[in-house]
Every structure is written in C-alpha cells, then in structure tokens.
C-alpha cells in the first residue's frame, strides 16, 4: 500500500469552540500528542542495521505547542536503544537534522531525544514491524536579551554577556547552567519555564540578575539595565600630566574589600556605580585616592603623586 501524503500544516481543523485559555494556566503538554500524523517518506531518513522487510518505520514531527505550526528546521533528532552497551551507556542508533524525520528501526524499545536549541524532550516508543507516526510537543519558547544603561543608551556594542540558569539548585547549592556567554540580540530556544539570568557588563563587578519567564510558543524579549561606567586610571605627577608606567593598581570598596587589581599605565575597567578607593604603587611608593562612579559617565581617574593627602610612605 503506498504511503499517505505528508500532512498540510495549513489545513483547517474544525474543533468545538472553547473558552480562551491562558497558556500559563495549562497543565504541562504531553510530550507525544494524541494527534494522528499520516506517514510520509523523508529524504533525510537514517536506518538501522536490519533489512527493510524486518524493520518498522517511524515518522516524527515536532511543534513548540499543540496550537503552533510544525517546525520545519532547527531540530536535532536522536534515537537511542533502550538497552545499554558494554560500557553501560545507551547506544545511539540514528540521528537526523532539520524538520520532520523518518527512521527505519528494528523491533524493540527506543528513546527519542528531540532538541530545538536548548529546548528538549525525551520520549519512549516501542517499535514493531509496522509504521508509526508521532508529533512531539516541545512546550517551548524563546528568549532574546539586551542590556542598556537607560532607555536612550543601549549596550549592544559593549562587553555585555548573559548566562542563563535554571531555578533549581543542585547538590552543591549551585544553579544548573543552561546557556553561557550569550550575546545581546541572540535568540535562545528554551523549554517553557522561569530562568535566572545573570548579565555581566565588563569583567569586574557590574552584574545584574533577573528572573525571566519563557512562555510556550512566544519570544520573550527582555532588556536588563545596568548602572555602571568605564573607568581608566592614571598615575600622574600633576593634574593633566603624562601617565607613569610600571604602576600596579588596587581598587577597593568603601569597606576595604578588593574589587580589582591591574598593572600598567592605563588600566581600564567597567565598574558598577558607587564609591571606591584606589591604591597606586610605583617605584617603592604608594599613592591613594578616592573616586566615585556615576552610571554612564565614562572617564579617567587621575591619582596625583604630588598631593600630600594621597601619598603614603612605603
């Protein structure tokens, strides 16, 4: 019997009317929907080791939610045998990339791992020598992150990165890292959930944290606001003078805690807004000065050697 044609994602399906439903109020989506998907051959099929007459055919499609359109690209399918190999690991039987996929499999139990970015789902299926088709519901959405100093000053070009964590803590008391070193404007695909986002401006102490919810089938766009500025330090003999080379630097918090250390004539940092004390050491002498950082006001901070208030004997 010839296979049925591939289903039309744009086909209209008449269903009984129901009240408007908030996606956040729904129970978790089943990973395998009960919707029948007609079997259609795929040009990206990968088969197992047996002959075609002894194998079954598995045709897979995936959606973000039960109401969304099938995904046509960006999917990674992995089929694992449920039995472990000699090393105690699940054996990878077949893979495919793109949208829908077809697999020829020997009879037995398998685990189907579906990945769409960082959104994943794992399902179990038992295959015979027949044809099966399944729709995988990922229950996923996306997040796009940006940073700014204010509504008028974006930080897309600055040293901004984001780390995305789960909300749960592991046995070491740490959140599980999901995506690291994410740059502004990049779309990250995630399962529907709430995530802990850490935004870093520079490499010192300009850090902002936020909990952001990813809604199924939606792209969540979030802007995280920093209060920080880029500061360059100079040790000079007089205000406006040339920077003195071979200087070592320590920047302290008002409580005396170390914030950052550096060496050189022009150390440059992004610092969170606030009050600081800076210590410059050069040629056996130590010089101190206090300075403040105002959000968005990038500037040079000079430490003057001739100031009796800032010079201390080594």
Protein backbone atom coordinates (compact mmCIF):
# COMPACT_ATOMS: atom_id res chain seq x y z
CA UNK A 1 0.00 0.00 0.00
CA UNK A 2 1.59 3.37 -0.96
CA UNK A 3 2.29 5.82 1.91
CA UNK A 4 -0.14 8.64 2.60
CA UNK A 5 0.92 12.18 1.65
CA UNK A 6 2.63 14.41 4.19
CA UNK A 7 0.08 16.41 6.23
CA UNK A 8 -0.55 20.02 5.26
CA UNK A 9 0.38 22.21 8.28
CA UNK A 10 -2.01 24.90 6.99
CA UNK A 11 -5.02 22.62 6.85
CA UNK A 12 -8.00 23.88 8.83
CA UNK A 13 -9.21 21.52 11.53
CA UNK A 14 -12.70 22.14 12.89
CA UNK A 15 -12.91 21.70 16.64
CA UNK A 16 -15.60 22.52 19.19
CA UNK A 17 -15.44 26.07 20.45
CA UNK A 18 -13.84 26.52 23.86
CA UNK A 19 -13.12 29.41 26.18
CA UNK A 20 -9.96 31.48 25.70
CA UNK A 21 -7.20 29.73 27.63
CA UNK A 22 -4.13 31.30 29.19
CA UNK A 23 -1.09 29.21 28.21
CA UNK A 24 0.39 29.68 31.68
CA UNK A 25 -2.68 28.09 33.27
CA UNK A 26 -2.44 24.91 31.24
CA UNK A 27 -1.27 21.61 32.57
CA UNK A 28 2.09 20.51 31.12
CA UNK A 29 1.87 19.45 27.49
CA UNK A 30 2.19 15.73 26.74
CA UNK A 31 5.48 15.10 25.00
CA UNK A 32 3.71 12.88 22.46
CA UNK A 33 0.44 14.34 21.29
CA UNK A 34 -2.51 12.10 20.50
CA UNK A 35 -2.93 13.75 17.09
CA UNK A 36 -2.52 11.27 14.26
CA UNK A 37 0.20 12.23 11.80
CA UNK A 38 -0.07 10.49 8.41
CA UNK A 39 3.11 8.71 7.44
CA UNK A 40 5.20 10.22 4.64
CA UNK A 41 8.67 9.19 3.45
CA UNK A 42 11.52 11.57 4.24
CA UNK A 43 14.64 12.19 2.19
CA UNK A 44 16.62 12.55 5.42
CA UNK A 45 15.89 9.07 6.75
CA UNK A 46 18.51 7.02 8.56
CA UNK A 47 18.03 3.30 9.02
CA UNK A 48 19.17 0.69 11.47
CA UNK A 49 21.14 -2.43 10.73
CA UNK A 50 18.33 -4.82 9.73
CA UNK A 51 16.70 -5.25 6.35
CA UNK A 52 13.72 -3.08 5.41
CA UNK A 53 11.31 -6.02 5.50
CA UNK A 54 12.20 -6.74 9.14
CA UNK A 55 12.05 -3.15 10.31
CA UNK A 56 9.36 -0.69 11.26
CA UNK A 57 9.09 2.89 10.02
CA UNK A 58 8.88 5.84 12.42
CA UNK A 59 7.88 9.26 11.13
CA UNK A 60 8.37 12.23 13.50
CA UNK A 61 7.27 15.86 13.51
CA UNK A 62 7.53 18.50 16.24
CA UNK A 63 5.75 21.65 17.42
CA UNK A 64 6.53 24.26 20.05
CA UNK A 65 2.98 23.95 21.42
CA UNK A 66 -0.09 21.96 20.47
CA UNK A 67 -1.51 25.08 18.76
CA UNK A 68 1.58 26.10 16.78
CA UNK A 69 2.76 25.15 13.31
CA UNK A 70 5.15 22.20 12.82
CA UNK A 71 8.82 23.16 12.91
CA UNK A 72 10.50 22.97 9.52
CA UNK A 73 14.13 23.39 10.56
CA UNK A 74 16.47 23.69 13.54
CA UNK A 75 15.55 20.30 15.03
CA UNK A 76 18.03 17.60 16.01
CA UNK A 77 16.62 14.08 16.39
CA UNK A 78 18.50 11.32 18.21
CA UNK A 79 17.24 7.76 18.55
CA UNK A 80 18.72 5.65 21.36
CA UNK A 81 18.27 1.96 22.02
CA UNK A 82 16.75 1.45 25.46
CA UNK A 83 19.25 -1.30 26.20
CA UNK A 84 22.75 -0.28 27.28
CA UNK A 85 26.02 -1.30 25.67
CA UNK A 86 29.02 -2.95 27.36
CA UNK A 87 30.02 0.41 28.88
CA UNK A 88 26.59 0.88 30.46
CA UNK A 89 25.59 3.66 28.08
CA UNK A 90 22.58 3.98 25.82
CA UNK A 91 23.50 3.21 22.24
CA UNK A 92 22.87 5.94 19.67
CA UNK A 93 21.04 4.23 16.82
CA UNK A 94 20.29 7.09 14.39
CA UNK A 95 20.22 10.88 14.07
CA UNK A 96 18.65 13.44 11.76
CA UNK A 97 18.57 17.23 11.49
CA UNK A 98 16.14 19.73 10.02
CA UNK A 99 12.37 19.46 10.41
CA UNK A 100 10.38 16.22 10.17
CA UNK A 101 12.35 12.97 10.04
CA UNK A 102 11.83 9.30 9.19
CA UNK A 103 13.68 6.35 10.73
CA UNK A 104 13.74 2.64 9.86
CA UNK A 105 14.18 0.73 13.11
CA UNK A 106 14.43 -2.87 14.22
CA UNK A 107 11.64 -4.03 16.55
CA UNK A 108 12.30 -3.00 20.15
CA UNK A 109 12.10 -0.13 22.63
CA UNK A 110 13.74 3.21 21.89
CA UNK A 111 14.20 6.65 23.44
CA UNK A 112 13.59 9.61 21.15
CA UNK A 113 15.50 12.77 22.08
CA UNK A 114 14.29 15.93 20.34
CA UNK A 115 16.34 19.14 20.59
CA UNK A 116 15.47 22.61 19.35
CA UNK A 117 18.23 24.85 20.64
CA UNK A 118 18.20 24.37 24.42
CA UNK A 119 14.58 23.15 24.35
CA UNK A 120 14.45 19.37 24.56
CA UNK A 121 12.03 16.49 25.01
CA UNK A 122 12.60 12.76 25.51
CA UNK A 123 10.01 10.12 24.66
CA UNK A 124 9.88 6.34 24.76
CA UNK A 125 8.43 4.27 21.94
CA UNK A 126 8.14 0.55 21.24
CA UNK A 127 8.58 -0.35 17.59
CA UNK A 128 7.36 -3.41 15.72
CA UNK A 129 7.44 -4.04 12.01
CA UNK A 130 4.61 -1.60 11.34
CA UNK A 131 4.51 2.13 10.52
CA UNK A 132 4.20 4.67 13.34
CA UNK A 133 3.97 8.45 13.24
CA UNK A 134 4.25 10.83 16.19
CA UNK A 135 4.04 14.56 16.85
CA UNK A 136 6.47 15.71 19.56
CA UNK A 137 5.24 18.69 21.60
CA UNK A 138 8.25 20.59 22.94
CA UNK A 139 6.24 23.04 25.10
CA UNK A 140 8.93 25.64 24.39
CA UNK A 141 9.50 29.27 23.51
CA UNK A 142 12.43 31.64 23.15
CA UNK A 143 14.21 34.48 24.89
CA UNK A 144 16.12 37.44 23.44
CA UNK A 145 18.20 39.50 25.85
CA UNK A 146 19.56 43.04 25.60
CA UNK A 147 21.23 45.44 28.05
CA UNK A 148 21.18 49.21 28.50
CA UNK A 149 22.26 51.99 30.83
CA UNK A 150 18.98 53.81 30.22
CA UNK A 151 16.15 53.89 27.70
CA UNK A 152 18.37 56.02 25.44
CA UNK A 153 21.71 54.27 25.94
CA UNK A 154 21.85 50.66 24.76
CA UNK A 155 24.84 48.44 25.46
CA UNK A 156 24.67 46.22 22.40
CA UNK A 157 28.23 47.16 21.39
CA UNK A 158 29.73 46.94 24.86
CA UNK A 159 31.33 43.98 26.67
CA UNK A 160 27.94 42.52 27.59
CA UNK A 161 27.28 38.81 28.11
CA UNK A 162 24.45 36.81 29.66
CA UNK A 163 24.38 33.46 31.46
CA UNK A 164 21.08 31.58 31.72
CA UNK A 165 20.47 29.27 34.68
CA UNK A 166 17.64 27.06 35.83
CA UNK A 167 15.79 27.99 39.02
CA UNK A 168 16.60 24.80 40.88
CA UNK A 169 19.81 24.24 42.85
CA UNK A 170 21.96 21.13 42.51
CA UNK A 171 23.55 19.12 45.33
CA UNK A 172 26.40 21.67 45.56
CA UNK A 173 23.95 24.50 46.13
CA UNK A 174 24.52 25.90 42.63
CA UNK A 175 22.06 26.65 39.88
CA UNK A 176 22.37 24.49 36.78
CA UNK A 177 23.91 26.47 33.90
CA UNK A 178 21.86 26.16 30.71
CA UNK A 179 23.50 28.67 28.33
CA UNK A 180 26.66 30.73 28.89
CA UNK A 181 28.31 33.71 27.21
CA UNK A 182 25.12 34.65 25.37
CA UNK A 183 25.41 37.91 23.42
CA UNK A 184 22.83 40.67 23.04
CA UNK A 185 20.11 40.08 20.48
CA UNK A 186 20.67 36.33 20.12
CA UNK A 187 17.53 34.18 20.33
CA UNK A 188 17.87 31.26 22.75
CA UNK A 189 15.27 28.49 22.48
CA UNK A 190 14.19 27.12 25.83
CA UNK A 191 11.55 24.91 27.38
CA UNK A 192 8.69 26.80 28.97
CA UNK A 193 9.82 27.75 32.48
CA UNK A 194 11.26 30.56 34.60
CA UNK A 195 15.00 31.15 34.26
CA UNK A 196 17.60 33.03 36.30
CA UNK A 197 19.55 35.39 34.02
CA UNK A 198 22.89 36.93 35.01
CA UNK A 199 24.01 39.91 32.93
CA UNK A 200 27.67 41.00 33.08
CA UNK A 201 28.91 44.36 31.80
CA UNK A 202 32.67 44.06 31.69
CA UNK A 203 34.63 41.60 33.83
CA UNK A 204 34.59 43.17 37.30
CA UNK A 205 31.50 43.92 39.38
CA UNK A 206 28.83 45.31 37.05
CA UNK A 207 26.45 42.36 37.43
CA UNK A 208 22.63 42.38 37.31
CA UNK A 209 20.38 39.38 37.94
CA UNK A 210 16.78 38.83 36.90
CA UNK A 211 14.24 36.01 36.79
CA UNK A 212 12.57 35.82 33.37
CA UNK A 213 9.69 33.61 32.29
CA UNK A 214 9.62 31.85 28.91
CA UNK A 215 6.08 31.33 27.61
CA UNK A 216 5.25 28.41 25.29
CA UNK A 217 5.23 29.42 21.64
CA UNK A 218 6.30 33.00 22.39
CA UNK A 219 9.52 35.01 22.08
CA UNK A 220 10.25 36.84 25.33
CA UNK A 221 12.32 39.99 24.80
CA UNK A 222 13.95 41.44 27.93
CA UNK A 223 16.25 44.41 28.49
CA UNK A 224 18.42 44.41 31.62
CA UNK A 225 19.51 47.83 32.92
CA UNK A 226 22.99 48.35 34.35
CA UNK A 227 24.32 51.18 36.50
CA UNK A 228 27.99 51.32 35.61
CA UNK A 229 30.68 53.19 33.67
CA UNK A 230 34.03 52.62 32.00
CA UNK A 231 36.89 53.96 34.16
CA UNK A 232 40.53 54.48 33.14
CA UNK A 233 43.16 55.01 35.88
CA UNK A 234 46.29 57.18 35.56
CA UNK A 235 49.13 57.92 37.95
CA UNK A 236 50.45 61.42 37.17
CA UNK A 237 52.92 63.88 38.72
CA UNK A 238 50.48 66.76 38.22
CA UNK A 239 46.85 67.08 37.08
CA UNK A 240 46.63 66.52 33.32
CA UNK A 241 50.16 65.12 33.19
CA UNK A 242 51.55 62.06 31.44
CA UNK A 243 50.68 58.64 32.87
CA UNK A 244 53.52 56.97 34.77
CA UNK A 245 54.36 53.49 33.51
CA UNK A 246 55.11 50.37 35.57
CA UNK A 247 52.36 51.11 38.08
CA UNK A 248 50.41 48.46 39.95
CA UNK A 249 46.83 49.18 40.95
CA UNK A 250 44.28 48.02 43.52
CA UNK A 251 40.67 49.22 43.58
CA UNK A 252 38.85 48.76 46.90
CA UNK A 253 35.24 49.03 48.03
CA UNK A 254 34.35 51.51 50.82
CA UNK A 255 34.60 48.59 53.25
CA UNK A 256 38.14 47.78 52.13
CA UNK A 257 37.31 44.70 50.05
CA UNK A 258 39.35 44.13 46.92
CA UNK A 259 37.36 44.86 43.74
CA UNK A 260 40.03 44.52 41.04
CA UNK A 261 43.81 44.62 40.56
CA UNK A 262 45.86 45.52 37.49
CA UNK A 263 49.23 46.67 36.19
CA UNK A 264 50.17 49.29 33.64
CA UNK A 265 49.91 52.97 32.81
CA UNK A 266 46.25 52.97 31.70
CA UNK A 267 44.25 50.16 33.33
CA UNK A 268 40.67 50.23 32.15
CA UNK A 269 37.62 48.64 33.84
CA UNK A 270 33.86 48.72 33.80
CA UNK A 271 32.82 49.39 37.39
CA UNK A 272 29.38 49.41 39.00
CA UNK A 273 28.19 52.82 40.13
CA UNK A 274 29.37 53.67 43.64
CA UNK A 275 32.30 54.87 45.76
CA UNK A 276 35.81 53.42 45.54
CA UNK A 277 39.34 53.83 46.85
CA UNK A 278 42.27 53.34 44.51
CA UNK A 279 45.84 52.48 45.52
CA UNK A 280 48.70 53.05 43.05
CA UNK A 281 52.19 51.62 43.70
CA UNK A 282 55.18 52.81 41.75
CA UNK A 283 58.92 52.84 42.39
CA UNK A 284 58.55 51.83 46.03
CA UNK A 285 55.94 54.46 46.86
CA UNK A 286 52.22 54.14 47.46
CA UNK A 287 49.56 56.68 46.49
CA UNK A 288 45.88 56.66 47.43
CA UNK A 289 42.81 58.46 46.19
CA UNK A 290 39.04 58.18 46.42
CA UNK A 291 36.72 58.41 43.43
CA UNK A 292 33.10 57.80 42.53
CA UNK A 293 31.47 56.13 39.54
CA UNK A 294 28.24 57.53 38.10
CA UNK A 295 26.21 55.37 35.72
CA UNK A 296 27.01 56.08 32.07
CA UNK A 297 29.77 58.60 32.82
CA UNK A 298 32.90 57.04 31.31
CA UNK A 299 36.01 58.95 32.42
CA UNK A 300 39.65 58.98 33.50
CA UNK A 301 40.56 59.00 37.19
CA UNK A 302 43.93 60.60 37.97
CA UNK A 303 45.97 59.80 41.05
CA UNK A 304 48.42 62.69 41.59
CA UNK A 305 51.79 61.90 43.19
CA UNK A 306 52.36 65.50 44.32
CA UNK A 307 49.26 65.51 46.56
CA UNK A 308 50.37 65.19 50.17
CA UNK A 309 46.95 63.88 51.09
CA UNK A 310 47.29 60.89 48.77
CA UNK A 311 50.95 59.92 49.34
CA UNK A 312 51.98 57.36 51.93
CA UNK A 313 55.42 56.13 52.79
CA UNK A 314 56.06 52.53 51.79
